[in-house]
Amino acid sequence: MIRHFFTAVSYILICVLLAGCAGSPARFDTPQAAGYYGEKPRQCVPYARDVSGLSIYGDAYTWWSQTSEARRGTRPQTGAVLVLAKTTKLTRGHLAVVTGIRDRRHITVTHSNWGSDFDSRRVIYEKMLVEDLSPHNDWSLLRFWNKDINAYGLPYPAYGFIYQ
């Protein structure tokens, strides 16, 4: 009788613990990157549009040419959209929204659909560290923090920032 009681209690406890895990997405938070895993990948363009409030459409790299010169530049500002160029790896470019400025060579961004497989592409980064590698500090060559290797990743060319 007592053994059946402990078995039932153990079963209920396991069910409660598993139910608690199923309701919330896996989160991570480090000084360099924070965010959570969504159910499926979310494209960077609609995510950037929702976060920034800018009504621009089309592939990420086309946002630069669709924006007037008066609203774009090479200096980061909180709320600005960072536009990465089209490359062989980024066939449609990429967008991220600036959430903070750490110093003249480092910013934090929020973005989605950044990675090389299904799991990494479904992460919504609420904060990710980005470093400017450009020789003239014009944010034309960047690298993003990679939480999986705990270091910066490969460099990517960027057009610059679209301001609100």
N, C-alpha and C. Protein backbone atom coordinates (compact mmCIF):
# COMPACT_ATOMS: atom_id res chain seq x y z
N MET A 1 0.82 -1.20 0.00
CA MET A 1 0.00 0.00 0.00
C MET A 1 0.87 1.27 0.00
N ILE A 2 1.86 1.32 0.86
CA ILE A 2 2.74 2.48 0.93
C ILE A 2 3.54 2.60 -0.36
N ARG A 3 3.96 1.46 -0.92
CA ARG A 3 4.73 1.50 -2.16
C ARG A 3 3.87 2.05 -3.29
N HIS A 4 2.58 1.68 -3.35
CA HIS A 4 1.68 2.22 -4.38
C HIS A 4 1.48 3.72 -4.20
N PHE A 5 1.43 4.17 -2.96
CA PHE A 5 1.27 5.59 -2.68
C PHE A 5 2.48 6.37 -3.21
N PHE A 6 3.70 5.90 -2.91
CA PHE A 6 4.91 6.59 -3.37
C PHE A 6 5.04 6.53 -4.89
N THR A 7 4.61 5.44 -5.49
CA THR A 7 4.62 5.34 -6.95
C THR A 7 3.68 6.36 -7.56
N ALA A 8 2.48 6.49 -7.00
CA ALA A 8 1.50 7.45 -7.50
C ALA A 8 1.99 8.89 -7.31
N VAL A 9 2.56 9.18 -6.14
CA VAL A 9 3.09 10.51 -5.87
C VAL A 9 4.24 10.83 -6.84
N SER A 10 5.12 9.88 -7.06
CA SER A 10 6.23 10.07 -7.99
C SER A 10 5.72 10.34 -9.40
N TYR A 11 4.73 9.59 -9.82
CA TYR A 11 4.15 9.77 -11.16
C TYR A 11 3.55 11.17 -11.30
N ILE A 12 2.81 11.61 -10.32
CA ILE A 12 2.18 12.94 -10.35
C ILE A 12 3.25 14.03 -10.37
N LEU A 13 4.29 13.88 -9.56
CA LEU A 13 5.38 14.86 -9.52
C LEU A 13 6.08 14.97 -10.88
N ILE A 14 6.34 13.85 -11.51
CA ILE A 14 6.97 13.86 -12.83
C ILE A 14 6.07 14.55 -13.84
N CYS A 15 4.77 14.27 -13.82
CA CYS A 15 3.83 14.92 -14.75
C CYS A 15 3.79 16.43 -14.55
N VAL A 16 3.78 16.86 -13.30
CA VAL A 16 3.76 18.29 -13.01
C VAL A 16 5.04 18.96 -13.52
N LEU A 17 6.18 18.35 -13.28
CA LEU A 17 7.44 18.91 -13.74
C LEU A 17 7.51 18.98 -15.26
N LEU A 18 7.07 17.94 -15.94
CA LEU A 18 7.07 17.95 -17.39
C LEU A 18 6.09 18.96 -17.96
N ALA A 19 4.96 19.13 -17.34
CA ALA A 19 3.98 20.11 -17.81
C ALA A 19 4.53 21.52 -17.66
N GLY A 20 5.26 21.78 -16.61
CA GLY A 20 5.87 23.09 -16.41
C GLY A 20 6.90 23.40 -17.48
N CYS A 21 7.63 22.40 -17.91
CA CYS A 21 8.65 22.61 -18.95
C CYS A 21 8.03 22.86 -20.31
N ALA A 22 6.92 22.23 -20.58
CA ALA A 22 6.31 22.33 -21.90
C ALA A 22 5.71 23.70 -22.17
N GLY A 23 5.35 24.43 -21.12
CA GLY A 23 4.66 25.69 -21.32
C GLY A 23 5.54 26.89 -21.63
N SER A 24 6.84 26.80 -21.36
CA SER A 24 7.69 27.97 -21.57
C SER A 24 8.86 27.60 -22.46
N PRO A 25 9.22 28.50 -23.38
CA PRO A 25 10.35 28.19 -24.27
C PRO A 25 11.68 28.24 -23.52
N ALA A 26 12.64 27.48 -24.01
CA ALA A 26 13.97 27.47 -23.40
C ALA A 26 14.60 28.85 -23.57
N ARG A 27 15.13 29.39 -22.48
CA ARG A 27 15.74 30.72 -22.48
C ARG A 27 17.23 30.60 -22.18
N PHE A 28 17.98 31.61 -22.56
CA PHE A 28 19.39 31.71 -22.20
C PHE A 28 19.68 33.19 -21.97
N ASP A 29 20.65 33.46 -21.12
CA ASP A 29 21.00 34.85 -20.81
C ASP A 29 22.45 34.91 -20.36
N THR A 30 23.28 35.52 -21.18
CA THR A 30 24.68 35.76 -20.85
C THR A 30 24.94 37.24 -21.09
N PRO A 31 26.09 37.76 -20.67
CA PRO A 31 26.38 39.17 -20.95
C PRO A 31 26.45 39.48 -22.46
N GLN A 32 26.74 38.48 -23.29
CA GLN A 32 26.91 38.70 -24.72
C GLN A 32 25.65 38.38 -25.54
N ALA A 33 24.79 37.51 -25.04
CA ALA A 33 23.60 37.12 -25.81
C ALA A 33 22.51 36.62 -24.87
N ALA A 34 21.27 37.01 -25.19
CA ALA A 34 20.12 36.55 -24.43
C ALA A 34 18.96 36.37 -25.39
N GLY A 35 18.11 35.41 -25.10
CA GLY A 35 16.95 35.18 -25.95
C GLY A 35 16.25 33.89 -25.59
N TYR A 36 15.48 33.39 -26.55
CA TYR A 36 14.71 32.18 -26.32
C TYR A 36 14.48 31.46 -27.65
N TYR A 37 14.13 30.18 -27.53
CA TYR A 37 13.85 29.35 -28.70
C TYR A 37 12.36 29.39 -29.00
N GLY A 38 12.01 29.80 -30.21
CA GLY A 38 10.62 29.74 -30.65
C GLY A 38 10.31 28.36 -31.19
N GLU A 39 9.05 28.14 -31.54
CA GLU A 39 8.65 26.84 -32.07
C GLU A 39 9.23 26.58 -33.45
N LYS A 40 9.33 27.65 -34.25
CA LYS A 40 9.86 27.51 -35.60
C LYS A 40 10.62 28.79 -35.96
N PRO A 41 11.44 28.77 -37.01
CA PRO A 41 12.16 29.99 -37.39
C PRO A 41 11.21 31.13 -37.77
N ARG A 42 11.59 32.34 -37.42
CA ARG A 42 10.85 33.54 -37.81
C ARG A 42 11.79 34.39 -38.66
N GLN A 43 11.40 34.72 -39.85
CA GLN A 43 12.24 35.48 -40.78
C GLN A 43 12.64 36.82 -40.16
N CYS A 44 13.84 37.28 -40.51
CA CYS A 44 14.36 38.52 -39.93
C CYS A 44 13.61 39.76 -40.41
N VAL A 45 13.08 39.73 -41.63
CA VAL A 45 12.41 40.92 -42.18
C VAL A 45 11.13 41.26 -41.40
N PRO A 46 10.17 40.34 -41.26
CA PRO A 46 8.98 40.71 -40.48
C PRO A 46 9.30 40.99 -39.01
N TYR A 47 10.30 40.31 -38.47
CA TYR A 47 10.69 40.57 -37.09
C TYR A 47 11.22 42.00 -36.95
N ALA A 48 12.13 42.39 -37.83
CA ALA A 48 12.69 43.75 -37.78
C ALA A 48 11.61 44.80 -38.02
N ARG A 49 10.69 44.51 -38.91
CA ARG A 49 9.60 45.44 -39.19
C ARG A 49 8.73 45.62 -37.94
N ASP A 50 8.41 44.51 -37.26
CA ASP A 50 7.59 44.58 -36.05
C ASP A 50 8.30 45.35 -34.93
N VAL A 51 9.59 45.06 -34.73
CA VAL A 51 10.33 45.69 -33.63
C VAL A 51 10.60 47.17 -33.91
N SER A 52 10.97 47.48 -35.15
CA SER A 52 11.35 48.87 -35.48
C SER A 52 10.18 49.77 -35.81
N GLY A 53 9.11 49.18 -36.30
CA GLY A 53 7.96 49.97 -36.73
C GLY A 53 8.13 50.54 -38.13
N LEU A 54 9.23 50.22 -38.82
CA LEU A 54 9.43 50.69 -40.19
C LEU A 54 8.59 49.86 -41.16
N SER A 55 7.96 50.52 -42.11
CA SER A 55 7.10 49.84 -43.08
C SER A 55 7.85 49.65 -44.40
N ILE A 56 8.87 48.83 -44.37
CA ILE A 56 9.65 48.52 -45.56
C ILE A 56 9.47 47.03 -45.83
N TYR A 57 9.39 46.67 -47.10
CA TYR A 57 9.14 45.28 -47.48
C TYR A 57 10.21 44.81 -48.46
N GLY A 58 10.28 43.52 -48.67
CA GLY A 58 11.26 42.95 -49.59
C GLY A 58 12.40 42.29 -48.84
N ASP A 59 13.28 41.65 -49.59
CA ASP A 59 14.44 41.00 -48.98
C ASP A 59 15.23 41.99 -48.13
N ALA A 60 15.91 41.48 -47.13
CA ALA A 60 16.63 42.33 -46.17
C ALA A 60 17.61 43.28 -46.85
N TYR A 61 18.40 42.79 -47.79
CA TYR A 61 19.42 43.65 -48.41
C TYR A 61 18.80 44.78 -49.22
N THR A 62 17.55 44.64 -49.66
CA THR A 62 16.90 45.69 -50.46
C THR A 62 16.42 46.86 -49.60
N TRP A 63 16.36 46.68 -48.29
CA TRP A 63 15.90 47.78 -47.43
C TRP A 63 16.81 48.99 -47.58
N TRP A 64 18.09 48.77 -47.77
CA TRP A 64 19.04 49.88 -47.89
C TRP A 64 18.71 50.76 -49.08
N SER A 65 18.52 50.16 -50.24
CA SER A 65 18.25 50.94 -51.46
C SER A 65 16.84 51.52 -51.47
N GLN A 66 15.94 50.98 -50.67
CA GLN A 66 14.58 51.51 -50.60
C GLN A 66 14.46 52.71 -49.68
N THR A 67 15.51 53.01 -48.94
CA THR A 67 15.47 54.08 -47.94
C THR A 67 16.24 55.29 -48.44
N SER A 68 15.70 56.48 -48.20
CA SER A 68 16.37 57.70 -48.64
C SER A 68 17.70 57.88 -47.90
N GLU A 69 18.63 58.55 -48.55
CA GLU A 69 19.94 58.79 -47.95
C GLU A 69 19.83 59.57 -46.64
N ALA A 70 18.80 60.39 -46.51
CA ALA A 70 18.63 61.19 -45.30
C ALA A 70 18.30 60.32 -44.08
N ARG A 71 17.78 59.11 -44.30
CA ARG A 71 17.36 58.24 -43.19
C ARG A 71 18.32 57.08 -42.97
N ARG A 72 19.50 57.12 -43.56
CA ARG A 72 20.45 56.02 -43.37
C ARG A 72 21.84 56.57 -43.12
N GLY A 73 22.67 55.75 -42.46
CA GLY A 73 24.02 56.21 -42.16
C GLY A 73 24.89 55.10 -41.61
N THR A 74 26.07 55.50 -41.14
CA THR A 74 27.07 54.54 -40.68
C THR A 74 27.31 54.58 -39.18
N ARG A 75 26.47 55.29 -38.45
CA ARG A 75 26.61 55.37 -37.00
C ARG A 75 25.42 54.69 -36.34
N PRO A 76 25.67 53.78 -35.41
CA PRO A 76 24.56 53.10 -34.75
C PRO A 76 23.76 54.05 -33.85
N GLN A 77 22.46 53.82 -33.81
CA GLN A 77 21.56 54.52 -32.90
C GLN A 77 20.57 53.50 -32.38
N THR A 78 20.19 53.62 -31.13
CA THR A 78 19.19 52.73 -30.58
C THR A 78 17.90 52.85 -31.39
N GLY A 79 17.35 51.71 -31.79
CA GLY A 79 16.13 51.67 -32.58
C GLY A 79 16.37 51.61 -34.08
N ALA A 80 17.60 51.87 -34.52
CA ALA A 80 17.92 51.82 -35.95
C ALA A 80 17.99 50.37 -36.42
N VAL A 81 17.71 50.15 -37.70
CA VAL A 81 17.79 48.82 -38.29
C VAL A 81 19.16 48.67 -38.96
N LEU A 82 19.89 47.66 -38.55
CA LEU A 82 21.19 47.32 -39.14
C LEU A 82 20.93 46.44 -40.36
N VAL A 83 21.48 46.83 -41.52
CA VAL A 83 21.26 46.10 -42.77
C VAL A 83 22.55 45.43 -43.21
N LEU A 84 22.55 44.11 -43.22
CA LEU A 84 23.70 43.35 -43.72
C LEU A 84 23.54 43.13 -45.21
N ALA A 85 24.66 43.15 -45.91
CA ALA A 85 24.67 43.00 -47.37
C ALA A 85 24.35 41.57 -47.78
N LYS A 86 23.96 41.43 -49.02
CA LYS A 86 23.73 40.13 -49.64
C LYS A 86 25.10 39.50 -49.92
N THR A 87 25.29 38.25 -49.51
CA THR A 87 26.53 37.51 -49.76
C THR A 87 26.16 36.10 -50.20
N THR A 88 27.17 35.30 -50.49
CA THR A 88 26.88 33.91 -50.86
C THR A 88 26.29 33.15 -49.68
N LYS A 89 26.64 33.53 -48.46
CA LYS A 89 26.08 32.89 -47.27
C LYS A 89 24.74 33.52 -46.86
N LEU A 90 24.65 34.84 -46.99
CA LEU A 90 23.40 35.57 -46.68
C LEU A 90 22.77 35.97 -48.01
N THR A 91 22.08 35.04 -48.64
CA THR A 91 21.58 35.26 -50.00
C THR A 91 20.50 36.32 -50.08
N ARG A 92 19.91 36.68 -48.96
CA ARG A 92 18.89 37.74 -48.93
C ARG A 92 19.28 38.86 -47.97
N GLY A 93 20.54 38.85 -47.54
CA GLY A 93 20.97 39.82 -46.55
C GLY A 93 20.46 39.44 -45.18
N HIS A 94 20.46 40.40 -44.26
CA HIS A 94 19.95 40.16 -42.91
C HIS A 94 19.67 41.50 -42.25
N LEU A 95 18.69 41.51 -41.34
CA LEU A 95 18.32 42.71 -40.59
C LEU A 95 18.39 42.43 -39.09
N ALA A 96 18.80 43.43 -38.34
CA ALA A 96 18.77 43.40 -36.88
C ALA A 96 18.45 44.81 -36.40
N VAL A 97 17.87 44.93 -35.23
CA VAL A 97 17.51 46.23 -34.67
C VAL A 97 18.43 46.53 -33.49
N VAL A 98 19.01 47.71 -33.48
CA VAL A 98 19.94 48.11 -32.42
C VAL A 98 19.17 48.34 -31.12
N THR A 99 19.61 47.67 -30.05
CA THR A 99 18.98 47.83 -28.75
C THR A 99 19.86 48.57 -27.75
N GLY A 100 21.15 48.68 -28.07
CA GLY A 100 22.04 49.39 -27.16
C GLY A 100 23.40 49.64 -27.79
N ILE A 101 24.07 50.66 -27.29
CA ILE A 101 25.42 51.00 -27.76
C ILE A 101 26.35 50.86 -26.57
N ARG A 102 27.32 49.96 -26.68
CA ARG A 102 28.26 49.71 -25.58
C ARG A 102 29.45 50.64 -25.64
N ASP A 103 30.03 50.79 -26.83
CA ASP A 103 31.14 51.71 -27.05
C ASP A 103 31.25 51.94 -28.55
N ARG A 104 32.29 52.58 -29.02
CA ARG A 104 32.36 52.95 -30.44
C ARG A 104 32.50 51.76 -31.38
N ARG A 105 32.82 50.58 -30.84
CA ARG A 105 33.00 49.38 -31.67
C ARG A 105 32.05 48.23 -31.32
N HIS A 106 31.16 48.43 -30.34
CA HIS A 106 30.28 47.35 -29.90
C HIS A 106 28.86 47.85 -29.67
N ILE A 107 27.90 47.10 -30.20
CA ILE A 107 26.49 47.38 -29.98
C ILE A 107 25.79 46.08 -29.61
N THR A 108 24.56 46.20 -29.13
CA THR A 108 23.70 45.02 -28.97
C THR A 108 22.52 45.18 -29.90
N VAL A 109 22.05 44.03 -30.41
CA VAL A 109 20.92 44.02 -31.34
C VAL A 109 19.92 42.95 -30.92
N THR A 110 18.71 43.08 -31.44
CA THR A 110 17.71 42.02 -31.38
C THR A 110 17.45 41.59 -32.82
N HIS A 111 17.34 40.29 -33.03
CA HIS A 111 17.06 39.78 -34.37
C HIS A 111 16.64 38.32 -34.30
N SER A 112 16.23 37.80 -35.46
CA SER A 112 15.77 36.41 -35.54
C SER A 112 16.33 35.75 -36.79
N ASN A 113 16.16 34.44 -36.86
CA ASN A 113 16.57 33.64 -38.02
C ASN A 113 18.06 33.77 -38.31
N TRP A 114 18.87 33.69 -37.27
CA TRP A 114 20.31 33.80 -37.40
C TRP A 114 20.92 32.47 -36.97
N GLY A 115 21.48 31.76 -37.91
CA GLY A 115 22.09 30.47 -37.60
C GLY A 115 22.21 29.61 -38.82
N SER A 116 22.68 28.40 -38.63
CA SER A 116 22.94 27.52 -39.77
C SER A 116 22.08 26.27 -39.81
N ASP A 117 21.21 26.08 -38.81
CA ASP A 117 20.33 24.92 -38.82
C ASP A 117 18.98 25.30 -38.22
N PHE A 118 18.05 24.35 -38.23
CA PHE A 118 16.69 24.63 -37.75
C PHE A 118 16.69 25.16 -36.33
N ASP A 119 17.41 24.51 -35.44
CA ASP A 119 17.41 24.94 -34.03
C ASP A 119 17.96 26.34 -33.84
N SER A 120 19.08 26.65 -34.48
CA SER A 120 19.65 27.99 -34.30
C SER A 120 18.82 29.06 -34.99
N ARG A 121 18.13 28.72 -36.07
CA ARG A 121 17.31 29.71 -36.78
C ARG A 121 16.00 30.03 -36.07
N ARG A 122 15.61 29.22 -35.13
CA ARG A 122 14.36 29.51 -34.41
C ARG A 122 14.57 30.35 -33.15
N VAL A 123 15.82 30.74 -32.90
CA VAL A 123 16.12 31.58 -31.73
C VAL A 123 15.72 33.03 -32.01
N ILE A 124 15.04 33.62 -31.06
CA ILE A 124 14.79 35.07 -31.07
C ILE A 124 15.81 35.66 -30.10
N TYR A 125 16.77 36.38 -30.67
CA TYR A 125 17.79 37.02 -29.84
C TYR A 125 17.25 38.37 -29.38
N GLU A 126 17.04 38.50 -28.10
CA GLU A 126 16.61 39.78 -27.54
C GLU A 126 17.80 40.71 -27.35
N LYS A 127 18.99 40.09 -27.22
CA LYS A 127 20.24 40.84 -27.06
C LYS A 127 21.36 39.99 -27.63
N MET A 128 22.12 40.56 -28.55
CA MET A 128 23.32 39.90 -29.06
C MET A 128 24.38 40.95 -29.31
N LEU A 129 25.58 40.66 -28.89
CA LEU A 129 26.69 41.58 -29.06
C LEU A 129 27.19 41.55 -30.50
N VAL A 130 27.44 42.73 -31.06
CA VAL A 130 27.96 42.87 -32.42
C VAL A 130 29.20 43.76 -32.34
N GLU A 131 30.24 43.37 -33.08
CA GLU A 131 31.50 44.12 -33.07
C GLU A 131 31.80 44.66 -34.47
N ASP A 132 32.22 45.91 -34.52
CA ASP A 132 32.63 46.55 -35.76
C ASP A 132 34.10 46.25 -36.02
N LEU A 133 34.40 45.64 -37.17
CA LEU A 133 35.78 45.33 -37.55
C LEU A 133 36.31 46.25 -38.64
N SER A 134 35.49 47.17 -39.12
CA SER A 134 35.88 48.00 -40.27
C SER A 134 37.09 48.88 -39.92
N PRO A 135 37.98 49.09 -40.88
CA PRO A 135 39.20 49.89 -40.62
C PRO A 135 38.91 51.33 -40.21
N HIS A 136 37.79 51.89 -40.71
CA HIS A 136 37.48 53.30 -40.43
C HIS A 136 36.33 53.48 -39.44
N ASN A 137 36.00 52.42 -38.70
CA ASN A 137 34.90 52.46 -37.72
C ASN A 137 33.62 52.97 -38.35
N ASP A 138 33.32 52.47 -39.58
CA ASP A 138 32.08 52.86 -40.26
C ASP A 138 31.04 51.74 -40.28
N TRP A 139 31.23 50.69 -39.51
CA TRP A 139 30.28 49.60 -39.36
C TRP A 139 29.99 48.89 -40.69
N SER A 140 30.98 48.82 -41.57
CA SER A 140 30.80 48.14 -42.85
C SER A 140 31.26 46.68 -42.83
N LEU A 141 31.91 46.26 -41.74
CA LEU A 141 32.33 44.87 -41.58
C LEU A 141 32.12 44.49 -40.12
N LEU A 142 31.25 43.52 -39.88
CA LEU A 142 30.81 43.19 -38.53
C LEU A 142 30.96 41.71 -38.23
N ARG A 143 30.99 41.41 -36.94
CA ARG A 143 30.85 40.02 -36.54
C ARG A 143 29.93 39.97 -35.32
N PHE A 144 29.13 38.91 -35.27
CA PHE A 144 28.12 38.71 -34.24
C PHE A 144 28.62 37.68 -33.23
N TRP A 145 28.19 37.85 -31.98
CA TRP A 145 28.55 36.90 -30.94
C TRP A 145 27.88 35.57 -31.25
N ASN A 146 28.62 34.48 -31.08
CA ASN A 146 28.08 33.13 -31.27
C ASN A 146 28.02 32.47 -29.90
N LYS A 147 26.81 32.29 -29.39
CA LYS A 147 26.66 31.75 -28.04
C LYS A 147 27.09 30.30 -27.95
N ASP A 148 27.05 29.57 -29.06
CA ASP A 148 27.40 28.15 -29.03
C ASP A 148 28.90 27.92 -28.87
N ILE A 149 29.72 28.82 -29.39
CA ILE A 149 31.17 28.66 -29.25
C ILE A 149 31.75 29.67 -28.25
N ASN A 150 30.88 30.53 -27.72
CA ASN A 150 31.27 31.55 -26.74
C ASN A 150 32.39 32.45 -27.27
N ALA A 151 32.19 32.90 -28.51
CA ALA A 151 33.16 33.78 -29.18
C ALA A 151 32.45 34.44 -30.37
N TYR A 152 33.11 35.43 -30.96
CA TYR A 152 32.56 36.05 -32.17
C TYR A 152 32.65 35.07 -33.33
N GLY A 153 31.69 35.20 -34.24
CA GLY A 153 31.67 34.39 -35.45
C GLY A 153 32.42 35.07 -36.58
N LEU A 154 32.13 34.63 -37.80
CA LEU A 154 32.78 35.14 -39.00
C LEU A 154 32.34 36.58 -39.30
N PRO A 155 33.17 37.36 -40.00
CA PRO A 155 32.78 38.73 -40.37
C PRO A 155 31.78 38.75 -41.53
N TYR A 156 30.90 39.75 -41.51
CA TYR A 156 29.90 39.97 -42.55
C TYR A 156 29.93 41.42 -42.98
N PRO A 157 29.79 41.68 -44.28
CA PRO A 157 29.70 43.07 -44.74
C PRO A 157 28.32 43.65 -44.44
N ALA A 158 28.29 44.93 -44.12
CA ALA A 158 27.03 45.61 -43.81
C ALA A 158 26.97 46.92 -44.59
N TYR A 159 25.73 47.32 -44.94
CA TYR A 159 25.52 48.63 -45.57
C TYR A 159 25.54 49.73 -44.53
N GLY A 160 24.89 49.50 -43.41
CA GLY A 160 24.81 50.52 -42.37
C GLY A 160 23.49 50.45 -41.64
N PHE A 161 23.00 51.62 -41.19
CA PHE A 161 21.84 51.70 -40.32
C PHE A 161 20.74 52.55 -40.98
N ILE A 162 19.51 52.07 -40.83
CA ILE A 162 18.34 52.86 -41.25
C ILE A 162 17.73 53.42 -39.96
N TYR A 163 17.60 54.74 -39.92
CA TYR A 163 17.12 55.41 -38.73
C TYR A 163 15.61 55.60 -38.77
N GLN A 164 15.05 55.76 -37.58
CA GLN A 164 13.59 55.95 -37.46
C GLN A 164 13.15 57.23 -38.13
